[in-house]
Protein backbone atom coordinates (compact mmCIF):
# COMPACT_ATOMS: atom_id res chain seq x y z
CA MET A 1 83.83 -17.77 32.20
CA LEU A 2 85.77 -16.64 29.30
CA GLU A 3 82.65 -16.47 27.11
CA LYS A 4 81.92 -13.85 30.07
CA ILE A 5 85.28 -11.99 29.91
CA LYS A 6 84.59 -11.35 25.67
CA GLU A 7 81.23 -10.22 26.41
CA ILE A 8 83.06 -7.62 29.21
CA LEU A 9 85.60 -6.49 26.30
CA ALA A 10 82.75 -6.43 23.36
CA GLU A 11 81.02 -3.97 25.93
CA GLN A 12 83.94 -1.94 27.39
CA LEU A 13 85.94 -1.69 23.43
CA ASP A 14 82.50 -1.42 21.37
CA VAL A 15 83.52 -4.29 19.32
CA GLU A 16 81.40 -7.64 18.64
CA VAL A 17 81.63 -10.70 20.77
CA GLU A 18 82.48 -13.07 17.59
CA GLU A 19 85.56 -10.78 16.76
CA ILE A 20 87.24 -11.75 19.69
CA LYS A 21 89.50 -14.64 20.14
CA ASP A 22 90.85 -16.19 22.89
CA ASN A 23 94.49 -15.03 22.12
CA SER A 24 93.34 -11.36 20.84
CA ASP A 25 95.95 -8.69 22.21
CA ILE A 26 93.61 -6.64 24.09
CA GLN A 27 95.48 -3.31 23.03
CA GLU A 28 97.12 -4.47 19.41
CA GLU A 29 94.28 -6.37 17.98
CA LEU A 30 91.25 -4.63 20.09
CA GLY A 31 92.25 -0.98 20.15
CA ALA A 32 92.65 -0.53 24.14
CA ASP A 33 94.21 2.17 25.44
CA SER A 34 95.29 2.50 29.19
CA LEU A 35 92.05 3.84 30.43
CA ASP A 36 90.08 1.20 28.70
CA VAL A 37 91.98 -1.52 30.32
CA MET A 38 91.71 0.12 33.88
CA ASP A 39 87.97 0.24 32.82
CA ILE A 40 88.04 -3.27 31.93
CA MET A 41 90.12 -4.54 35.17
CA THR A 42 87.50 -2.72 37.41
CA GLU A 43 84.60 -4.64 35.52
CA ILE A 44 86.31 -7.98 35.96
CA GLU A 45 87.05 -7.36 39.71
CA GLU A 46 83.32 -6.69 39.84
CA GLU A 47 81.92 -9.27 37.47
CA PHE A 48 84.27 -12.22 39.15
CA GLU A 49 84.92 -10.80 42.96
CA ILE A 50 88.79 -11.10 42.55
CA GLU A 51 90.84 -8.64 43.21
CA VAL A 52 93.58 -7.70 40.16
CA GLU A 53 97.09 -6.59 41.07
CA ASP A 54 98.61 -3.47 39.46
CA GLU A 55 101.63 -5.17 38.47
CA ALA A 56 99.20 -8.34 37.00
CA ILE A 57 97.34 -5.98 34.60
CA GLU A 58 100.29 -5.26 32.41
CA THR A 59 100.76 -9.06 31.52
CA LEU A 60 96.93 -9.61 30.84
CA ARG A 61 96.44 -8.85 27.67
CA THR A 62 94.32 -11.60 26.01
CA PRO A 63 90.81 -12.93 27.52
CA ALA A 64 92.81 -16.91 27.81
CA LYS A 65 95.39 -15.26 30.38
CA ILE A 66 92.79 -12.91 32.46
CA GLU A 67 90.73 -16.70 31.96
CA GLN A 68 93.72 -17.74 33.64
CA TYR A 69 94.61 -14.90 36.21
CA ILE A 70 91.33 -15.80 37.08
CA SER A 71 90.83 -19.12 38.03
CA GLU A 72 94.94 -19.13 39.68
CA ASN A 73 93.78 -16.43 41.85
CA LYS A 74 89.93 -16.58 42.53
CA LYS A 75 89.51 -18.11 46.45
């Protein structure tokens, strides 16, 4: 799951998958702006068939945190 999350981030942010670490901050280290974050969350929702709550989006700043959120909330 973590690799797929990194692939989505790499595609959306035009960076190499190898540059993305489990704890890379999506905004500070990978340069995502708020629109990028929304696009990423939409892609995550479609890929993993999950709905990401708006309140949770701000806390999902690293691939590891996104993976944890999906694991805890996937039906």
